[in-house]
Protein backbone atom coordinates (compact mmCIF):
# COMPACT_ATOMS: atom_id res chain seq x y z
CA UNK A 1 -29.14 -85.35 -13.35
CA UNK A 2 -31.80 -83.51 -11.58
CA UNK A 3 -29.64 -81.95 -8.50
CA UNK A 4 -26.61 -81.13 -10.64
CA UNK A 5 -28.83 -78.66 -12.30
CA UNK A 6 -30.06 -77.30 -9.12
CA UNK A 7 -26.54 -76.65 -7.77
CA UNK A 8 -25.03 -74.81 -10.64
CA UNK A 9 -26.36 -71.41 -10.22
CA UNK A 10 -26.03 -71.41 -6.76
CA UNK A 11 -22.23 -72.45 -7.47
CA UNK A 12 -21.76 -69.54 -10.42
CA UNK A 13 -23.64 -67.04 -7.80
CA UNK A 14 -20.72 -67.87 -5.38
CA UNK A 15 -18.18 -67.63 -7.84
CA UNK A 16 -18.92 -64.28 -9.40
CA UNK A 17 -19.00 -62.81 -5.10
CA UNK A 18 -15.41 -64.52 -4.95
CA UNK A 19 -14.40 -63.06 -7.90
CA UNK A 20 -15.37 -60.17 -7.31
CA UNK A 21 -13.95 -59.72 -3.27
CA UNK A 22 -10.60 -61.22 -4.93
CA UNK A 23 -10.20 -58.46 -7.09
CA UNK A 24 -10.92 -60.08 -10.56
CA UNK A 25 -11.97 -58.86 -13.42
CA UNK A 26 -11.39 -55.31 -14.16
CA UNK A 27 -8.65 -53.91 -12.48
CA UNK A 28 -9.84 -50.94 -9.34
CA UNK A 29 -8.44 -47.79 -9.72
CA UNK A 30 -5.99 -46.87 -6.68
CA UNK A 31 -7.60 -45.53 -4.36
CA UNK A 32 -5.70 -42.07 -4.67
CA UNK A 33 -6.44 -42.31 -8.01
CA UNK A 34 -9.76 -42.58 -7.46
CA UNK A 35 -9.74 -39.85 -5.14
CA UNK A 36 -7.45 -36.84 -6.33
CA UNK A 37 -7.61 -34.25 -3.65
CA UNK A 38 -8.91 -31.28 -5.53
CA UNK A 39 -5.68 -28.21 -4.74
CA UNK A 40 -7.47 -24.73 -5.19
CA UNK A 41 -4.75 -21.60 -5.67
CA UNK A 42 -5.44 -18.60 -6.21
CA UNK A 43 -4.69 -16.46 -9.34
CA UNK A 44 -1.83 -14.47 -7.40
CA UNK A 45 -0.31 -18.09 -6.52
CA UNK A 46 -0.20 -19.28 -9.94
CA UNK A 47 0.83 -16.30 -11.17
CA UNK A 48 4.05 -16.60 -9.03
CA UNK A 49 4.38 -20.50 -10.01
CA UNK A 50 3.91 -19.36 -13.73
CA UNK A 51 6.94 -16.73 -13.71
CA UNK A 52 9.68 -18.19 -12.16
CA UNK A 53 11.62 -16.31 -12.32
CA UNK A 54 15.28 -17.52 -10.69
CA UNK A 55 16.90 -16.24 -7.47
CA UNK A 56 19.93 -14.40 -8.37
CA UNK A 57 22.39 -11.52 -7.64
CA UNK A 58 20.62 -8.59 -8.98
CA UNK A 59 17.71 -10.35 -9.56
CA UNK A 60 15.69 -8.07 -6.88
CA UNK A 61 16.28 -4.73 -8.77
CA UNK A 62 14.95 -6.31 -12.30
CA UNK A 63 12.45 -7.10 -10.69
CA UNK A 64 11.61 -4.05 -9.23
CA UNK A 65 11.89 -2.18 -12.55
CA UNK A 66 9.36 -4.56 -14.13
CA UNK A 67 7.16 -3.72 -12.03
CA UNK A 68 7.65 -0.11 -12.36
CA UNK A 69 7.64 -0.76 -16.47
CA UNK A 70 4.56 -2.99 -16.37
CA UNK A 71 2.66 -0.25 -14.60
CA UNK A 72 3.75 2.75 -16.99
CA UNK A 73 2.64 0.01 -19.14
CA UNK A 74 -0.51 -0.43 -17.58
CA UNK A 75 -1.44 3.59 -17.48
CA UNK A 76 -0.72 4.12 -20.57
CA UNK A 77 -2.93 0.82 -22.00
CA UNK A 78 -5.79 2.78 -20.11
CA UNK A 79 -5.24 5.91 -20.99
CA UNK A 80 -5.09 5.17 -24.83
CA UNK A 81 -8.21 2.98 -23.89
CA UNK A 82 -10.09 6.07 -22.19
CA UNK A 83 -9.19 8.16 -25.45
CA UNK A 84 -10.90 5.68 -27.79
CA UNK A 85 -13.96 5.55 -25.95
CA UNK A 86 -14.11 9.22 -25.43
CA UNK A 87 -13.17 9.60 -29.24
CA UNK A 88 -16.54 7.49 -30.04
CA UNK A 89 -18.63 8.43 -27.17
CA UNK A 90 -19.18 5.45 -25.24
CA UNK A 91 -19.28 7.17 -21.86
CA UNK A 92 -19.79 4.78 -19.71
CA UNK A 93 -17.18 2.40 -20.39
CA UNK A 94 -14.98 5.90 -20.19
CA UNK A 95 -16.33 6.45 -16.93
CA UNK A 96 -14.82 2.85 -16.09
CA UNK A 97 -11.48 3.38 -17.36
CA UNK A 98 -11.32 6.68 -15.65
CA UNK A 99 -12.36 5.02 -12.27
CA UNK A 100 -9.71 2.25 -13.31
CA UNK A 101 -6.80 4.87 -13.60
CA UNK A 102 -7.91 6.65 -10.07
CA UNK A 103 -7.76 2.95 -8.45
CA UNK A 104 -4.25 2.70 -10.18
CA UNK A 105 -2.76 6.32 -9.07
CA UNK A 106 -4.24 5.59 -5.56
CA UNK A 107 -1.91 1.97 -5.60
CA UNK A 108 1.20 3.71 -2.99
CA UNK A 109 4.48 3.19 -4.04
CA UNK A 110 6.86 1.62 -2.06
CA UNK A 111 10.66 2.45 -1.41
CA UNK A 112 11.72 -1.35 -1.88
CA UNK A 113 15.03 -1.10 -3.32
CA UNK A 114 15.46 1.61 -0.38
CA UNK A 115 14.84 5.63 -0.53
CA UNK A 116 17.37 6.53 -4.08
CA UNK A 117 15.43 9.66 -4.15
CA UNK A 118 16.10 11.26 -0.92
CA UNK A 119 19.26 10.37 -0.68
CA UNK A 120 20.04 11.38 -4.14
CA UNK A 121 21.48 14.76 -4.41
CA UNK A 122 19.17 16.57 -7.21
CA UNK A 123 17.12 16.78 -4.94
CA UNK A 124 17.67 20.11 -2.14
CA UNK A 125 14.53 22.71 -1.92
CA UNK A 126 16.49 25.29 -2.33
CA UNK A 127 15.59 27.33 -5.95
CA UNK A 128 12.13 29.79 -6.27
CA UNK A 129 10.43 28.39 -9.07
CA UNK A 130 7.60 29.85 -10.53
CA UNK A 131 6.43 26.46 -12.28
CA UNK A 132 6.81 24.23 -8.99
CA UNK A 133 4.65 27.36 -6.80
CA UNK A 134 1.47 27.09 -9.09
CA UNK A 135 1.80 22.83 -9.09
CA UNK A 136 2.18 23.67 -4.69
CA UNK A 137 -0.47 25.78 -4.96
CA UNK A 138 -2.74 23.60 -6.85
CA UNK A 139 -1.76 20.79 -4.15
CA UNK A 140 -2.40 22.47 -1.39
CA UNK A 141 -5.97 23.77 -2.99
CA UNK A 142 -7.46 20.06 -3.01
CA UNK A 143 -5.64 18.63 0.27
CA UNK A 144 -7.59 21.32 1.89
CA UNK A 145 -10.88 20.76 0.10
CA UNK A 146 -10.40 17.00 1.04
CA UNK A 147 -10.90 17.99 4.62
CA UNK A 148 -13.44 20.43 4.64
CA UNK A 149 -16.50 20.08 2.49
CA UNK A 150 -14.93 17.36 0.72
CA UNK A 151 -15.34 15.36 3.51
CA UNK A 152 -18.63 16.23 4.50
CA UNK A 153 -19.88 16.22 1.19
CA UNK A 154 -18.22 13.41 0.05
CA UNK A 155 -15.18 13.30 -2.68
CA UNK A 156 -12.67 13.94 -0.30
CA UNK A 157 -11.15 10.88 -0.91
CA UNK A 158 -10.50 11.80 -5.49
CA UNK A 159 -9.42 14.95 -3.82
CA UNK A 160 -6.90 13.93 -1.69
CA UNK A 161 -5.68 11.68 -4.60
CA UNK A 162 -5.55 14.47 -7.01
CA UNK A 163 -3.23 16.56 -4.47
CA UNK A 164 -1.29 13.20 -3.49
CA UNK A 165 -0.60 13.23 -7.37
CA UNK A 166 0.38 17.16 -8.04
CA UNK A 167 3.19 17.05 -5.09
CA UNK A 168 4.84 13.86 -6.48
CA UNK A 169 4.68 15.37 -9.54
CA UNK A 170 6.30 18.21 -8.22
CA UNK A 171 8.84 16.46 -6.63
CA UNK A 172 10.02 14.84 -9.55
CA UNK A 173 10.00 17.31 -12.28
CA UNK A 174 10.82 19.97 -9.83
CA UNK A 175 13.64 18.36 -7.59
CA UNK A 176 15.41 21.92 -6.84
CA UNK A 177 12.24 23.67 -5.81
CA UNK A 178 11.72 25.53 -2.49
CA UNK A 179 8.65 23.77 -2.40
CA UNK A 180 10.02 19.83 -2.27
CA UNK A 181 10.09 19.77 1.73
CA UNK A 182 6.50 20.68 2.13
CA UNK A 183 5.61 18.73 -0.83
CA UNK A 184 7.18 15.94 1.21
CA UNK A 185 5.49 16.58 4.49
CA UNK A 186 2.09 17.15 3.26
CA UNK A 187 2.31 13.15 1.22
CA UNK A 188 3.48 12.06 4.68
CA UNK A 189 0.20 13.85 6.24
CA UNK A 190 -1.99 12.34 3.39
CA UNK A 191 -0.12 8.32 3.89
CA UNK A 192 -0.54 8.96 7.83
CA UNK A 193 -4.47 9.86 7.81
CA UNK A 194 -7.28 7.66 8.29
CA UNK A 195 -7.63 7.60 4.52
CA UNK A 196 -4.91 5.92 3.74
CA UNK A 197 -2.94 4.23 7.14
CA UNK A 198 0.29 4.05 5.12
CA UNK A 199 2.62 4.77 8.16
CA UNK A 200 5.85 3.41 6.91
CA UNK A 201 5.39 5.30 3.59
CA UNK A 202 4.36 8.36 5.77
CA UNK A 203 8.02 8.82 7.98
CA UNK A 204 9.49 7.74 4.19
CA UNK A 205 8.16 10.77 3.42
CA UNK A 206 8.69 12.75 7.08
CA UNK A 207 12.09 11.56 6.59
CA UNK A 208 12.35 13.42 2.68
CA UNK A 209 11.33 16.44 4.10
CA UNK A 210 14.08 17.15 6.80
CA UNK A 211 17.11 15.25 4.24
CA UNK A 212 15.74 18.31 1.81
CA UNK A 213 15.70 21.54 4.03
CA UNK A 214 17.04 20.80 7.66
CA UNK A 215 15.64 23.92 8.76
CA UNK A 216 11.81 23.09 7.38
CA UNK A 217 9.28 24.79 9.37
CA UNK A 218 7.42 21.88 9.45
CA UNK A 219 6.85 20.17 12.81
CA UNK A 220 8.81 16.85 11.33
CA UNK A 221 9.45 15.37 14.81
CA UNK A 222 7.03 15.59 15.85
CA UNK A 223 4.37 13.48 13.38
CA UNK A 224 6.54 11.02 13.47
CA UNK A 225 6.85 10.98 17.16
CA UNK A 226 2.69 10.68 16.85
CA UNK A 227 2.98 7.89 14.34
CA UNK A 228 5.33 5.66 16.52
CA UNK A 229 3.30 6.67 19.35
CA UNK A 230 -0.03 6.04 18.43
CA UNK A 231 -0.18 4.49 15.28
CA UNK A 232 2.77 1.71 15.20
CA UNK A 233 2.32 1.80 19.39
CA UNK A 234 7.08 1.75 19.29
CA UNK A 235 6.75 3.67 22.21
CA UNK A 236 11.05 3.87 22.37
CA UNK A 237 11.06 5.22 19.35
CA UNK A 238 8.13 8.14 20.22
CA UNK A 239 9.75 8.85 23.67
CA UNK A 240 12.71 9.88 21.91
CA UNK A 241 11.53 11.79 19.38
CA UNK A 242 9.42 13.34 21.72
CA UNK A 243 12.18 14.72 23.89
CA UNK A 244 13.73 15.64 20.49
CA UNK A 245 10.69 17.96 20.55
CA UNK A 246 10.95 19.33 24.10
CA UNK A 247 14.41 20.46 22.90
CA UNK A 248 14.31 22.00 19.72
CA UNK A 249 11.09 22.91 19.08
CA UNK A 250 9.37 26.14 18.81
CA UNK A 251 5.71 25.42 18.75
CA UNK A 252 4.58 25.74 22.36
CA UNK A 253 1.90 23.58 21.98
CA UNK A 254 3.51 20.57 20.72
CA UNK A 255 6.18 20.88 23.76
CA UNK A 256 3.31 20.86 26.57
CA UNK A 257 2.31 17.61 24.18
CA UNK A 258 5.18 16.05 23.93
CA UNK A 259 6.52 16.78 27.82
CA UNK A 260 3.00 15.41 28.99
CA UNK A 261 3.06 12.41 26.91
CA UNK A 262 6.88 11.39 28.00
CA UNK A 263 5.59 11.50 31.85
CA UNK A 264 2.51 9.14 30.57
CA UNK A 265 4.21 7.32 28.97
CA UNK A 266 7.60 6.73 31.47
CA UNK A 267 5.65 6.69 34.95
CA UNK A 268 4.94 3.32 35.26
CA UNK A 269 2.72 3.45 37.81
CA UNK A 270 0.30 5.53 36.28
CA UNK A 271 -3.15 4.46 35.21
CA UNK A 272 -3.94 7.51 33.43
CA UNK A 273 -5.50 7.44 30.20
CA UNK A 274 -3.44 8.77 27.51
CA UNK A 275 -4.03 12.43 26.07
CA UNK A 276 -6.07 11.99 22.38
CA UNK A 277 -3.91 11.89 19.41
CA UNK A 278 -3.28 15.64 17.92
CA UNK A 279 -5.21 16.32 14.78
CA UNK A 280 -3.87 18.20 12.04
CA UNK A 281 -5.65 20.29 9.64
CA UNK A 282 -4.62 19.95 5.93
């Protein structure tokens, strides 16, 4: 009897051990459930997943128009908020809204659906309009200041943004003004600058300049060649445009530069360093 009493605890202990090893009692959670991976998604991915936009014929147009509408609504909401803060004297918050509005205006508008504005017959540089001329002078002043004291003392980017907005306003409001080709050229210059580096947009506006006024005085082919050459590294397109400059440009400095770049780009045995990219004043 005494021997059974001594053995019983050992038997119980062994039985519990076997039960635990064999999975008796409360079932263990599956390994996959116990160590569920944590999947992190960016806010942008989450928004796209939530939208669940069907891909169907014509849906791109709807989406692009929706983006434009949402951008307009966002801007109008900010302007209303700014008016509220100004009315009740919330100066610091008003300053935040003003900065957000500046940032919103600085966002480039890409031609997602093609350049319909450039292709439209409504845009043609042919009429002298005093209102458009005034906007052009205002934009040129801002643009010049951005590259002068503005770049030295600060505030150059704000000046560029204001100039960009004014050039665009001129084109949108006065599509028959004889200044729209000038405005398009300088918009291209702003986008091609080191401040923006939006080279596709720059080329788009250079092309608009030529489209709206084939006889424009601005060196559009030369500036496009420089962008393709030094910024996009598309030497074939650059060469074609440099040759066009040599054949048709009346600017001797640009012709000499184009001739030298053609020589450097076509001489495979040459180890000369390329000429420095030409700088253009605002």
